[in-house]
């Protein structure tokens, strides 16, 4: 029994050692400490210590107590002695890959950053510091360390509603690069982004996903994320009789993502044109189920206005519980 207990203790020693706080860095390793940094960078340092990142300065468990500046910028002794920028890591001037590597040394295990390395922002060399200010002093829990472009961009400031809400501030940041998306939101029928009722991150994950454009999924079978159905839950289903595009392709099969000149953000001016993209001359042999791409029956004379709006009769276009033809 004593031998068994000794064996367990020996096996646990590496884990117990790993759980202990990291040993503070010393001058021999080139670390000067936060107080040395504040001699020259007092304003920036004080703002940092008031921000959410400031917890690193006093948290022994993170291993950077008294050396929080160097946790991101690297050893500062040589930089302080020579007073030259080349001896310290400046995330703004560094390459996006180098800057992201520094940020992800802490943030890579967070769920929201699961696709950061392979996401679209990373592929086009947009670094974390392009959107976030590491030394930001405002502790706004809804906008963690987000950069503020208002003072530098009068055009961006003009886009904001009178009450600059959280969604409006996020939209201001995103559209400082994505000008074409902002132009789409000026169309007659859009999601209420320009009005400040929602923001880009309601549909996109800016840190990247496994899907194109960092989109939350719109097709219900892709995975468990709600996507469009987070707001449009009445269209989610599951339905006894499903409309295949809703299940497999998602909302973008019929609707524009940002805005459209057509009512209900449809991608075609007439409802019948949307429907006929699928419900056209499909051979009977390839459509045995009678549910996909069926040919309109003889009495659907599309020359008559009564038949040009398919949803006049097929009211349950997203799916029905009682009718295979989505009539009710």
Protein backbone atom coordinates (compact mmCIF):
# COMPACT_ATOMS: atom_id res chain seq x y z
CA UNK A 1 0.00 0.00 0.00
CA UNK A 2 2.90 2.34 0.86
CA UNK A 3 4.62 1.56 -2.45
CA UNK A 4 1.38 2.31 -4.35
CA UNK A 5 0.99 5.70 -2.58
CA UNK A 6 4.61 6.64 -3.35
CA UNK A 7 4.11 5.79 -7.00
CA UNK A 8 1.03 8.03 -7.26
CA UNK A 9 2.89 10.95 -5.68
CA UNK A 10 5.82 10.54 -8.07
CA UNK A 11 3.47 10.48 -11.05
CA UNK A 12 1.70 13.63 -9.90
CA UNK A 13 4.85 15.65 -9.27
CA UNK A 14 5.22 16.93 -12.88
CA UNK A 15 1.59 18.06 -12.91
CA UNK A 16 1.89 19.75 -9.52
CA UNK A 17 5.00 21.54 -10.69
CA UNK A 18 3.23 22.70 -13.86
CA UNK A 19 0.32 24.06 -11.85
CA UNK A 20 2.56 26.29 -9.74
CA UNK A 21 2.93 29.98 -10.68
CA UNK A 22 5.66 30.68 -13.18
CA UNK A 23 8.92 32.03 -11.77
CA UNK A 24 9.41 35.76 -12.34
CA UNK A 25 11.89 36.70 -15.03
CA UNK A 26 15.18 38.25 -13.95
CA UNK A 27 17.47 40.96 -15.26
CA UNK A 28 19.76 38.23 -16.59
CA UNK A 29 17.00 37.24 -19.02
CA UNK A 30 16.67 40.83 -20.22
CA UNK A 31 13.43 41.77 -18.45
CA UNK A 32 13.37 45.26 -16.95
CA UNK A 33 9.93 45.28 -15.28
CA UNK A 34 6.88 47.51 -15.59
CA UNK A 35 8.29 50.34 -13.48
CA UNK A 36 11.20 50.74 -15.90
CA UNK A 37 8.78 50.92 -18.83
CA UNK A 38 6.70 53.63 -17.15
CA UNK A 39 9.69 55.97 -16.95
CA UNK A 40 9.25 56.75 -20.66
CA UNK A 41 5.77 55.38 -21.42
CA UNK A 42 3.87 56.69 -18.41
CA UNK A 43 0.59 57.67 -20.09
CA UNK A 44 0.38 54.49 -22.15
CA UNK A 45 1.33 52.34 -19.19
CA UNK A 46 -1.27 53.85 -16.88
CA UNK A 47 -3.96 53.40 -19.52
CA UNK A 48 -2.92 49.78 -19.94
CA UNK A 49 -3.07 49.07 -16.21
CA UNK A 50 -6.67 50.39 -16.12
CA UNK A 51 -7.74 48.22 -19.05
CA UNK A 52 -8.85 44.59 -19.01
CA UNK A 53 -5.32 43.56 -19.92
CA UNK A 54 -4.07 45.19 -16.74
CA UNK A 55 -4.94 42.05 -14.76
CA UNK A 56 -1.68 40.54 -16.03
CA UNK A 57 0.31 43.01 -13.90
CA UNK A 58 -0.91 41.70 -10.53
CA UNK A 59 -1.95 38.10 -11.27
CA UNK A 60 0.81 35.81 -10.02
CA UNK A 61 -0.75 32.80 -11.68
CA UNK A 62 -0.08 34.19 -15.15
CA UNK A 63 3.63 34.47 -14.45
CA UNK A 64 4.03 38.13 -15.45
CA UNK A 65 3.59 39.94 -12.14
CA UNK A 66 5.43 43.26 -12.36
CA UNK A 67 6.31 42.60 -16.02
CA UNK A 68 3.01 43.00 -17.84
CA UNK A 69 4.40 45.26 -20.59
CA UNK A 70 7.03 42.68 -21.49
CA UNK A 71 4.46 39.89 -21.61
CA UNK A 72 3.52 41.27 -25.05
CA UNK A 73 6.51 43.39 -26.13
CA UNK A 74 9.29 41.04 -25.07
CA UNK A 75 12.35 41.71 -22.85
CA UNK A 76 12.86 45.45 -22.39
CA UNK A 77 16.30 45.87 -20.81
CA UNK A 78 18.17 46.23 -24.09
CA UNK A 79 15.48 48.57 -25.46
CA UNK A 80 15.71 50.77 -22.37
CA UNK A 81 19.49 51.00 -22.44
CA UNK A 82 19.79 51.72 -26.17
CA UNK A 83 16.50 53.66 -26.50
CA UNK A 84 16.01 52.08 -29.93
CA UNK A 85 12.72 50.64 -31.19
CA UNK A 86 14.37 47.71 -32.97
CA UNK A 87 14.98 45.99 -29.63
CA UNK A 88 11.30 45.76 -28.71
CA UNK A 89 8.21 44.31 -30.39
CA UNK A 90 5.87 47.02 -31.66
CA UNK A 91 2.68 45.24 -32.73
CA UNK A 92 1.51 48.07 -34.99
CA UNK A 93 4.76 48.15 -36.96
CA UNK A 94 5.40 44.41 -36.87
CA UNK A 95 4.13 42.06 -39.54
CA UNK A 96 0.53 40.86 -39.02
CA UNK A 97 1.73 37.32 -38.50
CA UNK A 98 4.22 38.35 -35.81
CA UNK A 99 1.66 40.56 -34.05
CA UNK A 100 -1.00 37.83 -34.13
CA UNK A 101 1.44 35.27 -32.76
CA UNK A 102 1.97 37.49 -29.72
CA UNK A 103 -1.79 37.99 -29.14
CA UNK A 104 -2.67 34.35 -29.71
CA UNK A 105 -0.13 33.21 -27.14
CA UNK A 106 -2.93 33.99 -24.67
CA UNK A 107 -6.11 34.15 -26.77
CA UNK A 108 -5.78 31.10 -29.02
CA UNK A 109 -7.70 28.85 -26.62
CA UNK A 110 -10.79 31.04 -26.56
CA UNK A 111 -13.80 29.72 -28.46
CA UNK A 112 -14.32 32.90 -30.46
CA UNK A 113 -10.78 32.64 -31.86
CA UNK A 114 -11.15 29.03 -33.01
CA UNK A 115 -10.79 30.02 -36.68
CA UNK A 116 -8.45 33.00 -36.29
CA UNK A 117 -5.46 31.38 -38.01
CA UNK A 118 -7.44 30.17 -41.04
CA UNK A 119 -10.02 32.96 -41.05
CA UNK A 120 -10.44 35.49 -43.84
CA UNK A 121 -8.94 38.36 -41.84
CA UNK A 122 -5.77 36.38 -41.21
CA UNK A 123 -5.49 35.38 -44.86
CA UNK A 124 -5.52 39.00 -46.00
CA UNK A 125 -3.00 40.02 -43.31
CA UNK A 126 -5.35 41.91 -40.99
CA UNK A 127 -3.78 41.77 -37.55
CA UNK A 128 -5.53 41.84 -34.17
CA UNK A 129 -4.25 45.39 -33.54
CA UNK A 130 -6.01 46.57 -36.70
CA UNK A 131 -9.28 46.40 -34.75
CA UNK A 132 -8.20 46.30 -31.10
CA UNK A 133 -6.26 48.77 -28.97
CA UNK A 134 -4.21 46.87 -26.41
CA UNK A 135 -3.68 49.94 -24.19
CA UNK A 136 -7.28 51.15 -24.30
CA UNK A 137 -8.24 52.47 -20.88
CA UNK A 138 -12.04 52.30 -21.14
CA UNK A 139 -13.42 49.20 -19.46
CA UNK A 140 -16.46 48.69 -21.64
CA UNK A 141 -17.43 45.05 -21.23
CA UNK A 142 -19.55 45.15 -24.38
CA UNK A 143 -16.68 46.51 -26.49
CA UNK A 144 -13.51 44.85 -25.23
CA UNK A 145 -10.50 46.95 -26.24
CA UNK A 146 -12.00 47.94 -29.59
CA UNK A 147 -10.28 50.74 -31.47
CA UNK A 148 -12.11 54.05 -31.85
CA UNK A 149 -11.93 55.54 -35.34
CA UNK A 150 -14.29 58.45 -34.75
CA UNK A 151 -11.66 61.08 -34.01
CA UNK A 152 -9.52 60.05 -36.97
CA UNK A 153 -12.29 59.53 -39.49
CA UNK A 154 -14.97 62.23 -39.81
CA UNK A 155 -16.58 60.20 -42.59
CA UNK A 156 -16.93 57.21 -40.27
CA UNK A 157 -18.32 59.43 -37.52
CA UNK A 158 -20.99 60.75 -39.91
CA UNK A 159 -22.25 57.19 -40.38
CA UNK A 160 -23.14 56.82 -36.72
CA UNK A 161 -26.68 57.48 -35.49
CA UNK A 162 -27.23 60.25 -32.93
CA UNK A 163 -27.01 57.69 -30.13
CA UNK A 164 -23.77 55.80 -30.72
CA UNK A 165 -24.86 52.40 -29.43
CA UNK A 166 -22.70 49.30 -29.25
CA UNK A 167 -23.88 47.98 -32.66
CA UNK A 168 -23.25 51.39 -34.24
CA UNK A 169 -19.69 51.52 -32.91
CA UNK A 170 -18.95 48.02 -34.20
CA UNK A 171 -20.40 48.91 -37.61
CA UNK A 172 -18.25 52.04 -37.70
CA UNK A 173 -15.14 49.91 -37.19
CA UNK A 174 -16.06 47.23 -39.74
CA UNK A 175 -17.15 49.62 -42.47
CA UNK A 176 -13.92 51.58 -42.21
CA UNK A 177 -12.58 48.76 -44.40
CA UNK A 178 -15.72 47.15 -45.85
CA UNK A 179 -17.05 50.15 -47.78
CA UNK A 180 -18.98 48.03 -50.28
CA UNK A 181 -20.95 46.37 -47.49
CA UNK A 182 -21.84 49.77 -46.07
CA UNK A 183 -23.03 50.86 -49.51
CA UNK A 184 -25.32 47.82 -49.66
CA UNK A 185 -26.95 48.90 -46.40
CA UNK A 186 -28.04 52.14 -48.07
CA UNK A 187 -30.45 50.28 -50.36
CA UNK A 188 -34.23 50.51 -49.80
CA UNK A 189 -34.61 47.09 -48.15
CA UNK A 190 -31.89 46.02 -45.72
CA UNK A 191 -31.13 44.60 -42.33
CA UNK A 192 -31.24 47.48 -39.79
CA UNK A 193 -27.47 47.92 -39.55
CA UNK A 194 -27.37 51.56 -40.65
CA UNK A 195 -30.00 52.34 -38.00
CA UNK A 196 -27.84 50.90 -35.21
CA UNK A 197 -30.28 48.10 -34.34
CA UNK A 198 -27.76 45.36 -35.18
CA UNK A 199 -24.12 45.09 -36.18
CA UNK A 200 -21.88 43.10 -38.47
CA UNK A 201 -20.91 40.64 -35.73
CA UNK A 202 -24.51 39.47 -35.42
CA UNK A 203 -23.90 37.52 -38.64
CA UNK A 204 -20.10 37.38 -38.92
CA UNK A 205 -17.40 36.17 -36.55
CA UNK A 206 -14.57 38.68 -37.09
CA UNK A 207 -12.04 36.24 -35.63
CA UNK A 208 -12.80 33.68 -38.32
CA UNK A 209 -14.77 30.50 -38.79
CA UNK A 210 -14.44 27.45 -40.99
CA UNK A 211 -16.92 29.03 -43.43
CA UNK A 212 -16.27 31.72 -46.07
CA UNK A 213 -16.42 35.38 -45.00
CA UNK A 214 -16.46 34.35 -41.34
CA UNK A 215 -20.19 33.77 -41.59
CA UNK A 216 -22.29 32.11 -38.98
CA UNK A 217 -24.12 29.41 -40.88
CA UNK A 218 -27.43 30.07 -42.60
CA UNK A 219 -28.15 26.45 -43.54
CA UNK A 220 -29.76 24.50 -40.72
CA UNK A 221 -27.94 21.23 -41.41
CA UNK A 222 -24.41 22.69 -41.41
CA UNK A 223 -23.97 22.69 -37.64
CA UNK A 224 -25.70 23.79 -34.47
CA UNK A 225 -25.06 27.54 -34.82
CA UNK A 226 -28.25 29.53 -35.25
CA UNK A 227 -27.08 31.97 -37.94
CA UNK A 228 -30.07 33.79 -39.45
CA UNK A 229 -32.45 31.77 -37.30
CA UNK A 230 -31.15 33.54 -34.20
CA UNK A 231 -33.52 36.35 -35.21
CA UNK A 232 -35.84 34.58 -37.66
CA UNK A 233 -36.65 31.66 -35.40
CA UNK A 234 -40.11 31.14 -36.93
CA UNK A 235 -38.39 30.01 -40.14
CA UNK A 236 -36.15 27.51 -38.41
CA UNK A 237 -38.27 24.38 -38.31
CA UNK A 238 -37.84 21.46 -38.49
CA UNK A 239 -40.91 21.11 -40.69
CA UNK A 240 -42.76 17.98 -41.73
CA UNK A 241 -42.54 19.23 -45.34
CA UNK A 242 -39.39 21.25 -45.85
CA UNK A 243 -38.42 23.62 -48.60
CA UNK A 244 -35.07 22.20 -49.65
CA UNK A 245 -33.15 25.50 -50.04
CA UNK A 246 -33.90 26.47 -46.45
CA UNK A 247 -32.43 23.21 -45.20
CA UNK A 248 -29.46 22.80 -47.53
CA UNK A 249 -28.45 26.18 -49.01
CA UNK A 250 -29.65 28.65 -46.44
CA UNK A 251 -31.35 31.99 -46.65
CA UNK A 252 -28.96 33.39 -49.26
CA UNK A 253 -30.51 31.10 -51.88
CA UNK A 254 -33.38 33.60 -52.14
CA UNK A 255 -32.30 36.67 -50.14
CA UNK A 256 -29.46 39.17 -50.36
CA UNK A 257 -27.28 39.26 -47.28
CA UNK A 258 -26.88 43.00 -46.70
CA UNK A 259 -29.47 44.86 -48.70
CA UNK A 260 -31.53 44.82 -51.87
CA UNK A 261 -33.64 47.07 -54.06
CA UNK A 262 -36.31 44.37 -53.89
CA UNK A 263 -38.85 43.88 -51.06
CA UNK A 264 -37.96 41.29 -48.41
CA UNK A 265 -34.31 41.61 -49.51
CA UNK A 266 -35.00 39.17 -52.36
CA UNK A 267 -32.30 38.63 -54.96
CA UNK A 268 -34.78 39.05 -57.86
CA UNK A 269 -37.29 41.80 -58.60
CA UNK A 270 -40.21 39.37 -59.05
CA UNK A 271 -41.06 36.51 -56.72
CA UNK A 272 -41.73 34.17 -59.64
CA UNK A 273 -38.19 34.74 -60.95
CA UNK A 274 -36.79 33.63 -57.61
CA UNK A 275 -38.89 30.46 -57.64
CA UNK A 276 -38.22 29.60 -61.29
CA UNK A 277 -34.49 29.43 -60.69
CA UNK A 278 -35.20 26.00 -59.23
CA UNK A 279 -38.73 25.18 -60.38
CA UNK A 280 -37.98 25.06 -64.08
CA UNK A 281 -37.91 22.30 -66.70
CA UNK A 282 -36.50 19.47 -64.64
CA UNK A 283 -36.84 16.02 -66.30
CA UNK A 284 -39.26 13.71 -64.52
CA UNK A 285 -36.65 10.93 -64.28
CA UNK A 286 -34.41 13.10 -62.10
CA UNK A 287 -37.28 14.30 -59.93
CA UNK A 288 -39.05 11.17 -58.78
CA UNK A 289 -39.84 12.54 -55.35
CA UNK A 290 -41.78 15.45 -56.83
CA UNK A 291 -40.38 17.82 -54.22
CA UNK A 292 -37.36 19.41 -55.90
CA UNK A 293 -37.47 21.56 -59.00
CA UNK A 294 -40.94 20.45 -60.08
CA UNK A 295 -42.31 21.89 -63.29
CA UNK A 296 -45.19 24.28 -62.79
CA UNK A 297 -48.47 22.65 -63.76
CA UNK A 298 -50.46 23.66 -66.83
CA UNK A 299 -52.76 26.14 -65.14
CA UNK A 300 -49.76 28.25 -63.96
CA UNK A 301 -49.85 30.62 -66.90
CA UNK A 302 -47.07 33.02 -66.00
CA UNK A 303 -48.34 35.51 -68.54
CA UNK A 304 -51.14 36.29 -66.09
CA UNK A 305 -50.34 38.57 -63.12
CA UNK A 306 -52.25 36.26 -60.78
CA UNK A 307 -49.56 33.57 -61.16
CA UNK A 308 -46.48 35.78 -61.04
CA UNK A 309 -46.44 35.90 -57.27
CA UNK A 310 -46.01 32.29 -56.20
CA UNK A 311 -46.41 33.12 -52.51
CA UNK A 312 -50.03 34.13 -53.08
CA UNK A 313 -50.86 30.42 -52.86
CA UNK A 314 -47.64 28.86 -51.56
CA UNK A 315 -47.65 30.88 -48.38
CA UNK A 316 -45.38 28.57 -46.37
CA UNK A 317 -42.31 28.92 -48.56
CA UNK A 318 -39.93 28.13 -45.69
CA UNK A 319 -41.70 24.89 -44.76
CA UNK A 320 -45.04 23.48 -43.75
CA UNK A 321 -46.28 21.03 -41.17
CA UNK A 322 -49.43 19.98 -43.03
CA UNK A 323 -49.02 20.47 -46.80
CA UNK A 324 -46.42 18.99 -49.14
CA UNK A 325 -46.90 21.78 -51.67
CA UNK A 326 -46.36 24.41 -48.97
CA UNK A 327 -49.85 25.84 -49.54
CA UNK A 328 -50.61 26.16 -45.83
